[in-house]
Protein backbone atom coordinates (compact mmCIF):
# COMPACT_ATOMS: atom_id res chain seq x y z
CA UNK A 1 5.25 -0.99 -14.25
CA UNK A 2 7.04 2.20 -13.42
CA UNK A 3 10.81 1.54 -13.14
CA UNK A 4 12.73 2.68 -10.16
CA UNK A 5 15.45 4.29 -12.23
CA UNK A 6 15.19 7.03 -14.85
CA UNK A 7 14.13 10.68 -14.85
CA UNK A 8 12.95 11.99 -11.53
CA UNK A 9 10.21 14.58 -11.15
CA UNK A 10 11.13 18.12 -10.18
CA UNK A 11 8.95 20.94 -9.11
CA UNK A 12 5.79 21.46 -7.13
CA UNK A 13 3.42 18.47 -6.96
CA UNK A 14 -0.22 18.75 -5.91
CA UNK A 15 -2.33 15.99 -4.39
CA UNK A 16 -4.23 13.49 -6.50
CA UNK A 17 -7.77 14.37 -7.53
CA UNK A 18 -10.12 13.71 -4.64
CA UNK A 19 -7.42 14.06 -1.97
CA UNK A 20 -8.01 16.80 0.57
CA UNK A 21 -5.25 19.41 0.70
CA UNK A 22 -3.82 20.18 4.16
CA UNK A 23 -3.42 23.89 4.22
CA UNK A 24 0.12 25.10 4.84
CA UNK A 25 1.82 21.69 4.98
CA UNK A 26 4.28 20.42 2.36
CA UNK A 27 6.56 17.40 2.08
CA UNK A 28 9.94 18.38 0.68
CA UNK A 29 12.25 15.72 -0.84
CA UNK A 30 15.93 16.62 -1.15
CA UNK A 31 17.95 15.61 -4.18
CA UNK A 32 20.22 12.59 -3.39
CA UNK A 33 23.25 14.41 -4.79
CA UNK A 34 22.66 17.22 -2.30
CA UNK A 35 23.09 14.94 0.71
CA UNK A 36 26.54 14.65 2.31
CA UNK A 37 27.52 12.45 5.23
CA UNK A 38 25.14 10.74 7.58
CA UNK A 39 21.55 10.95 6.19
CA UNK A 40 19.98 11.41 9.63
CA UNK A 41 22.16 14.40 10.40
CA UNK A 42 21.90 15.68 6.84
CA UNK A 43 18.12 15.66 7.00
CA UNK A 44 18.19 18.02 9.97
CA UNK A 45 20.88 20.28 8.52
CA UNK A 46 19.45 20.53 4.98
CA UNK A 47 15.89 20.98 6.30
CA UNK A 48 17.04 23.78 8.57
CA UNK A 49 18.98 25.51 5.78
CA UNK A 50 16.16 25.32 3.28
CA UNK A 51 13.56 26.38 5.78
CA UNK A 52 15.66 29.35 6.84
CA UNK A 53 16.21 30.32 3.19
CA UNK A 54 12.51 30.38 2.31
CA UNK A 55 10.94 31.22 5.70
CA UNK A 56 9.40 27.73 6.26
CA UNK A 57 8.82 25.96 9.60
CA UNK A 58 10.22 22.41 9.87
CA UNK A 59 7.77 20.04 11.57
CA UNK A 60 9.59 16.71 11.18
CA UNK A 61 12.45 15.22 9.21
CA UNK A 62 12.99 11.87 7.45
CA UNK A 63 16.13 10.16 6.18
CA UNK A 64 15.55 6.49 5.35
CA UNK A 65 13.30 6.65 2.31
CA UNK A 66 15.04 9.72 0.93
CA UNK A 67 16.17 12.78 2.90
CA UNK A 68 12.99 14.84 3.30
CA UNK A 69 11.06 16.97 5.70
CA UNK A 70 7.51 18.16 6.46
CA UNK A 71 7.24 21.90 6.69
CA UNK A 72 4.72 24.64 7.23
CA UNK A 73 4.69 27.34 4.52
CA UNK A 74 2.43 29.06 2.07
CA UNK A 75 2.04 28.22 -1.59
CA UNK A 76 4.40 30.99 -2.73
CA UNK A 77 7.14 29.72 -0.44
CA UNK A 78 6.60 26.16 -1.61
CA UNK A 79 6.82 27.17 -5.27
CA UNK A 80 10.10 29.01 -4.67
CA UNK A 81 11.54 26.10 -2.65
CA UNK A 82 10.58 23.67 -5.37
CA UNK A 83 12.98 25.50 -7.74
CA UNK A 84 15.91 25.31 -5.34
CA UNK A 85 18.78 23.17 -6.87
CA UNK A 86 18.95 21.11 -3.66
CA UNK A 87 15.28 20.18 -3.88
CA UNK A 88 13.98 17.22 -5.89
CA UNK A 89 10.34 18.13 -5.49
CA UNK A 90 7.80 19.60 -3.12
CA UNK A 91 4.36 18.00 -2.68
CA UNK A 92 1.45 19.40 -0.77
CA UNK A 93 0.53 17.24 2.22
CA UNK A 94 -2.97 15.85 1.69
CA UNK A 95 -5.44 13.36 3.10
CA UNK A 96 -6.30 10.41 0.88
CA UNK A 97 -10.01 9.59 1.43
CA UNK A 98 -10.65 6.54 3.53
CA UNK A 99 -11.58 3.58 1.36
CA UNK A 100 -15.32 2.99 1.22
CA UNK A 101 -16.63 0.23 3.44
CA UNK A 102 -18.19 -1.76 0.57
CA UNK A 103 -19.40 -4.54 2.88
CA UNK A 104 -22.44 -6.47 1.61
CA UNK A 105 -22.55 -9.41 4.04
CA UNK A 106 -21.31 -10.45 7.40
CA UNK A 107 -21.16 -14.00 8.78
CA UNK A 108 -18.91 -16.38 10.70
CA UNK A 109 -16.17 -18.67 9.54
CA UNK A 110 -18.52 -21.60 9.97
CA UNK A 111 -20.98 -20.31 7.38
CA UNK A 112 -18.98 -18.14 4.98
CA UNK A 113 -17.37 -19.80 1.96
CA UNK A 114 -13.72 -19.66 1.07
CA UNK A 115 -12.79 -16.69 -1.09
CA UNK A 116 -13.30 -17.24 -4.82
CA UNK A 117 -10.32 -15.01 -5.33
CA UNK A 118 -7.90 -17.65 -4.11
CA UNK A 119 -9.53 -20.14 -6.41
CA UNK A 120 -9.07 -17.86 -9.37
CA UNK A 121 -5.43 -16.80 -9.05
CA UNK A 122 -3.84 -20.31 -9.23
CA UNK A 123 -5.34 -21.13 -12.66
CA UNK A 124 -5.01 -19.41 -15.98
CA UNK A 125 -8.59 -19.62 -17.20
CA UNK A 126 -12.15 -20.10 -16.05
CA UNK A 127 -14.12 -22.05 -14.94
CA UNK A 128 -13.07 -22.16 -11.32
CA UNK A 129 -11.94 -25.54 -10.00
CA UNK A 130 -12.79 -25.14 -6.31
CA UNK A 131 -9.17 -25.40 -5.18
CA UNK A 132 -6.17 -23.20 -4.33
CA UNK A 133 -2.65 -24.63 -4.68
CA UNK A 134 -0.02 -21.86 -4.27
CA UNK A 135 3.72 -22.63 -4.47
CA UNK A 136 4.86 -24.47 -1.39
CA UNK A 137 7.39 -22.08 0.18
CA UNK A 138 8.37 -21.12 3.72
CA UNK A 139 7.22 -17.55 4.26
CA UNK A 140 8.69 -17.27 7.75
CA UNK A 141 11.60 -15.33 6.18
CA UNK A 142 9.32 -12.52 4.92
CA UNK A 143 7.34 -9.87 6.80
CA UNK A 144 4.04 -8.48 5.41
CA UNK A 145 3.24 -4.94 6.54
CA UNK A 146 -0.41 -3.82 6.34
CA UNK A 147 -0.49 0.00 6.17
CA UNK A 148 -4.15 0.63 6.78
CA UNK A 149 -6.68 0.88 9.61
CA UNK A 150 -5.81 -1.17 12.66
CA UNK A 151 -5.82 -4.96 12.24
CA UNK A 152 -7.80 -7.01 14.72
CA UNK A 153 -4.81 -9.17 15.65
CA UNK A 154 -6.80 -11.56 17.85
CA UNK A 155 -8.72 -12.94 14.89
CA UNK A 156 -8.32 -16.69 14.52
CA UNK A 157 -7.30 -16.23 10.88
CA UNK A 158 -3.92 -15.01 12.04
CA UNK A 159 -3.25 -17.73 14.58
CA UNK A 160 -0.92 -15.46 16.56
CA UNK A 161 1.05 -14.25 13.51
CA UNK A 162 -0.30 -10.70 13.53
CA UNK A 163 0.84 -7.84 15.72
CA UNK A 164 0.05 -4.13 16.02
CA UNK A 165 3.41 -2.59 15.24
CA UNK A 166 3.07 1.20 15.12
CA UNK A 167 0.71 4.21 15.13
CA UNK A 168 1.41 6.67 12.34
CA UNK A 169 -1.24 9.23 13.14
CA UNK A 170 -1.83 11.59 16.06
CA UNK A 171 -4.54 9.27 17.28
CA UNK A 172 -3.55 8.25 20.82
CA UNK A 173 -6.50 6.20 22.14
CA UNK A 174 -5.97 2.58 23.19
CA UNK A 175 -5.60 -0.03 20.50
CA UNK A 176 -9.20 -0.82 19.47
CA UNK A 177 -9.86 -1.66 15.83
CA UNK A 178 -13.06 0.17 14.91
CA UNK A 179 -13.00 -0.34 11.17
CA UNK A 180 -12.77 -3.74 9.53
CA UNK A 181 -10.90 -2.58 6.40
CA UNK A 182 -7.38 -3.36 7.62
CA UNK A 183 -8.38 -6.70 9.08
CA UNK A 184 -10.10 -7.79 5.88
CA UNK A 185 -7.05 -6.78 3.86
CA UNK A 186 -4.57 -8.48 6.21
CA UNK A 187 -6.47 -11.78 6.17
CA UNK A 188 -6.44 -11.76 2.37
CA UNK A 189 -2.68 -11.42 2.50
CA UNK A 190 -2.11 -13.94 5.33
CA UNK A 191 -5.22 -15.52 6.80
CA UNK A 192 -5.12 -19.29 7.29
CA UNK A 193 -8.47 -19.64 5.50
CA UNK A 194 -8.65 -16.59 3.30
CA UNK A 195 -4.95 -15.77 2.74
CA UNK A 196 -2.70 -16.10 -0.31
CA UNK A 197 0.35 -16.54 1.91
CA UNK A 198 -1.29 -18.22 4.85
CA UNK A 199 1.68 -18.49 7.16
CA UNK A 200 3.48 -15.11 6.86
CA UNK A 201 3.79 -12.72 9.78
CA UNK A 202 1.70 -9.54 9.63
CA UNK A 203 2.70 -6.19 11.17
CA UNK A 204 -0.13 -3.65 11.32
CA UNK A 205 0.68 0.10 10.95
CA UNK A 206 -2.27 2.42 11.43
CA UNK A 207 -2.43 5.43 9.07
CA UNK A 208 -6.21 5.97 9.30
CA UNK A 209 -7.78 8.62 11.53
CA UNK A 210 -10.49 6.18 12.20
CA UNK A 211 -11.98 6.25 15.66
CA UNK A 212 -14.41 8.72 17.14
CA UNK A 213 -12.57 10.44 19.94
CA UNK A 214 -12.27 13.73 18.15
CA UNK A 215 -13.05 13.76 14.53
CA UNK A 216 -14.41 12.54 11.28
CA UNK A 217 -12.88 9.63 9.37
CA UNK A 218 -10.46 11.64 7.29
CA UNK A 219 -8.51 8.87 5.63
CA UNK A 220 -4.69 8.95 5.72
CA UNK A 221 -2.25 11.77 5.11
CA UNK A 222 0.81 11.66 2.84
CA UNK A 223 2.88 12.44 5.90
CA UNK A 224 1.51 9.40 7.78
CA UNK A 225 2.46 7.27 4.75
CA UNK A 226 5.93 8.76 4.83
CA UNK A 227 6.23 7.87 8.57
CA UNK A 228 5.07 4.34 7.78
CA UNK A 229 7.67 3.94 5.02
CA UNK A 230 10.39 5.16 7.37
CA UNK A 231 9.29 2.82 10.13
CA UNK A 232 9.07 -0.14 7.83
CA UNK A 233 12.54 0.49 6.42
CA UNK A 234 14.07 0.67 9.89
CA UNK A 235 12.21 -2.48 10.98
CA UNK A 236 13.19 -4.51 7.90
CA UNK A 237 16.80 -3.48 8.40
CA UNK A 238 16.70 -4.47 12.10
CA UNK A 239 15.12 -7.83 11.51
CA UNK A 240 16.95 -8.65 8.28
CA UNK A 241 13.78 -9.94 6.57
CA UNK A 242 12.50 -8.98 3.11
CA UNK A 243 9.48 -6.65 3.30
CA UNK A 244 6.18 -6.56 1.39
CA UNK A 245 3.77 -3.71 2.06
CA UNK A 246 0.08 -3.57 1.24
CA UNK A 247 -1.38 -0.02 1.03
CA UNK A 248 -5.07 -0.25 0.10
CA UNK A 249 -5.30 3.50 0.04
CA UNK A 250 -4.73 5.36 -3.19
CA UNK A 251 -1.88 7.84 -3.11
CA UNK A 252 0.31 9.79 -5.48
CA UNK A 253 3.04 10.54 -2.91
CA UNK A 254 6.52 9.87 -4.27
CA UNK A 255 7.56 8.39 -0.88
CA UNK A 256 6.97 4.90 -2.18
CA UNK A 257 9.50 5.17 -4.95
CA UNK A 258 12.31 5.85 -2.50
CA UNK A 259 11.23 2.92 -0.32
CA UNK A 260 11.17 0.53 -3.30
CA UNK A 261 14.71 1.66 -4.16
CA UNK A 262 15.66 0.68 -0.57
CA UNK A 263 14.37 -2.82 -1.17
CA UNK A 264 10.71 -2.90 -0.07
CA UNK A 265 7.89 -4.16 -2.33
CA UNK A 266 4.83 -1.86 -2.27
CA UNK A 267 1.38 -2.89 -3.55
CA UNK A 268 -1.20 -0.10 -3.85
CA UNK A 269 -4.87 -0.24 -4.76
CA UNK A 270 -6.07 1.59 -7.92
CA UNK A 271 -9.01 3.29 -6.26
CA UNK A 272 -12.77 2.92 -6.56
CA UNK A 273 -13.60 5.94 -8.71
CA UNK A 274 -13.83 4.36 -12.20
CA UNK A 275 -11.20 6.84 -13.35
CA UNK A 276 -7.81 6.84 -15.07
CA UNK A 277 -5.34 5.95 -12.36
CA UNK A 278 -2.50 8.10 -13.68
CA UNK A 279 -2.19 10.02 -10.43
CA UNK A 280 -1.39 7.02 -8.25
CA UNK A 281 1.96 6.29 -6.66
CA UNK A 282 4.94 5.69 -8.89
CA UNK A 283 7.11 2.57 -8.50
CA UNK A 284 4.47 0.53 -6.64
CA UNK A 285 2.48 -2.29 -8.07
CA UNK A 286 -0.87 -0.69 -8.82
CA UNK A 287 -3.77 -3.17 -8.72
CA UNK A 288 -7.22 -2.87 -10.30
CA UNK A 289 -10.16 -5.11 -9.40
CA UNK A 290 -11.91 -7.88 -11.39
CA UNK A 291 -15.06 -9.85 -10.68
CA UNK A 292 -15.82 -13.58 -10.74
CA UNK A 293 -16.41 -13.44 -14.50
CA UNK A 294 -13.02 -11.82 -15.19
CA UNK A 295 -14.59 -8.44 -15.92
CA UNK A 296 -13.18 -5.21 -14.53
CA UNK A 297 -15.25 -4.21 -11.53
CA UNK A 298 -17.41 -1.23 -12.54
CA UNK A 299 -15.89 1.11 -9.91
CA UNK A 300 -12.29 0.03 -10.32
CA UNK A 301 -9.62 2.55 -11.25
CA UNK A 302 -7.99 1.92 -14.60
CA UNK A 303 -5.40 3.27 -17.00
CA UNK A 304 -1.80 2.75 -18.12
CA UNK A 305 -0.49 3.31 -14.61
CA UNK A 306 -2.24 0.09 -13.50
CA UNK A 307 0.09 -2.89 -13.48
CA UNK A 308 -2.38 -5.77 -13.22
CA UNK A 309 -5.81 -6.92 -12.08
CA UNK A 310 -6.70 -9.20 -9.22
CA UNK A 311 -9.97 -10.50 -7.73
CA UNK A 312 -11.67 -7.69 -5.81
CA UNK A 313 -15.47 -8.21 -6.05
CA UNK A 314 -17.41 -9.83 -3.23
CA UNK A 315 -14.30 -11.21 -1.43
CA UNK A 316 -14.78 -13.08 1.84
CA UNK A 317 -12.21 -12.41 4.55
CA UNK A 318 -11.88 -11.62 8.26
CA UNK A 319 -14.00 -9.05 10.07
CA UNK A 320 -13.88 -7.51 13.54
CA UNK A 321 -15.96 -7.90 16.64
CA UNK A 322 -15.07 -11.50 17.42
CA UNK A 323 -12.27 -13.91 16.61
CA UNK A 324 -14.40 -15.70 14.02
CA UNK A 325 -16.16 -12.73 12.38
CA UNK A 326 -16.04 -12.52 8.62
CA UNK A 327 -17.22 -10.07 6.00
CA UNK A 328 -17.65 -9.97 2.22
CA UNK A 329 -16.28 -6.73 0.76
CA UNK A 330 -15.70 -5.33 -2.74
CA UNK A 331 -13.19 -2.86 -4.19
CA UNK A 332 -9.58 -2.47 -5.27
CA UNK A 333 -8.72 -2.54 -1.62
CA UNK A 334 -9.62 -6.26 -1.74
CA UNK A 335 -7.69 -6.78 -5.02
CA UNK A 336 -4.38 -5.40 -3.80
CA UNK A 337 -3.76 -7.84 -0.92
CA UNK A 338 -4.05 -10.77 -3.34
CA UNK A 339 -1.05 -9.30 -5.11
CA UNK A 340 0.72 -8.57 -1.83
CA UNK A 341 0.31 -12.22 -0.86
CA UNK A 342 1.78 -13.23 -4.22
CA UNK A 343 4.76 -10.93 -3.55
CA UNK A 344 5.30 -12.64 -0.21
CA UNK A 345 5.40 -16.03 -1.87
CA UNK A 346 7.83 -14.81 -4.49
CA UNK A 347 10.15 -13.13 -1.97
CA UNK A 348 10.16 -16.31 0.07
CA UNK A 349 11.03 -18.39 -2.99
CA UNK A 350 13.65 -15.94 -4.27
CA UNK A 351 15.03 -14.13 -1.21
CA UNK A 352 17.85 -12.41 -3.05
CA UNK A 353 15.56 -10.85 -5.65
CA UNK A 354 15.35 -7.03 -5.46
CA UNK A 355 12.03 -5.33 -4.89
CA UNK A 356 11.96 -4.28 -8.54
CA UNK A 357 12.69 -7.82 -9.66
CA UNK A 358 9.83 -9.18 -7.51
CA UNK A 359 7.36 -6.68 -8.95
CA UNK A 360 8.54 -7.25 -12.49
CA UNK A 361 8.21 -11.02 -12.04
CA UNK A 362 4.64 -10.68 -10.74
CA UNK A 363 3.51 -8.65 -13.74
CA UNK A 364 5.35 -10.96 -16.16
CA UNK A 365 3.71 -14.06 -14.65
CA UNK A 366 0.20 -12.64 -14.78
CA UNK A 367 -2.26 -14.22 -17.16
CA UNK A 368 -2.67 -12.03 -20.29
CA UNK A 369 -5.81 -11.30 -22.33
CA UNK A 370 -8.51 -12.54 -19.92
CA UNK A 371 -9.92 -9.35 -18.36
CA UNK A 372 -13.06 -7.94 -20.00
CA UNK A 373 -13.35 -4.15 -20.22
CA UNK A 374 -9.86 -3.30 -18.93
CA UNK A 375 -10.23 0.15 -20.58
CA UNK A 376 -6.68 1.48 -21.02
CA UNK A 377 -5.19 -0.82 -18.39
CA UNK A 378 -2.75 -3.66 -19.18
CA UNK A 379 -4.88 -6.77 -19.66
CA UNK A 380 -3.15 -8.96 -17.02
CA UNK A 381 -4.65 -10.97 -14.21
CA UNK A 382 -2.66 -12.11 -11.14
CA UNK A 383 -1.37 -15.66 -11.26
CA UNK A 384 0.34 -17.55 -8.45
CA UNK A 385 -0.03 -21.18 -9.58
CA UNK A 386 2.66 -23.68 -10.47
CA UNK A 387 5.51 -22.23 -12.45
């Protein structure tokens, strides 16, 4: 996986293919060696100085996951600012498309089977043995953050362990989950029936412009992901608990690298475009999807930027609408939370491990040479069984 140390990018970065550019908005990350004194104050001062120098308009500043700011400017101003010696890089703010709702069946807990994905990840090879035996660890010391659409926290899968923590968009309506994506993901991380880490606490952060009081479903912006990373860093510091984040939205934003360096594990889906995933986020665990026969799912992203595969085809998990609703979905969005759950288990077992050590351990423990048609991806499948 991409290490947290080493050469840093410099210059003007565009959005990933398929992401929608937001005209006139750019995220500017300041070089660490250009920051003096208190980062919060420095973020305001440096942003003001750079904006004044290049005629930009500061919209908001950040300081926890790297001193940075969101600014309004045109492409020429952004290109000139990217060459400033105080600037690490400038990236155009963009909207990552909302993950497709690849739902093929809905049911209730009483009739839907347990997820085959859990069955698969605690054994090295097929056939499945109809059981799931993860390491027995106390996950109460870890917090899992689901950065996604809103989680239906009243679902019985969470048994009171899920809460809506923060809104990262300009959406101001009352808390009503109207897409099941985040709920399905969260229950794969932590559901009592469908979850890899079935007792961990979930905090839901909404980055999806999802509900109908004013617009189309536009996905999530890089700036909303930056706000989420800042919020998570502050919350993890305040609570003193190790953090694991699941982001089942593809992104190339460099925000995640700085958050990992601060101690947070990030797990990001590889996307459902059957393309080389080289434009995804650096420093995160990038997860591609496999099916029940250990073959890469046909739509799964792939390539050397992928770190490992996890079950992502026809996965049962929680739905919305009632406390016992369930749905079966497919995609790399469903694969990533299996890995996030594994990261929770590892962080609980080794609380002093750094974020990088956790991610390195997960890739090292994965089962090699079992995925069919991995293309140029590392042939590794998630494993969380006895060690």
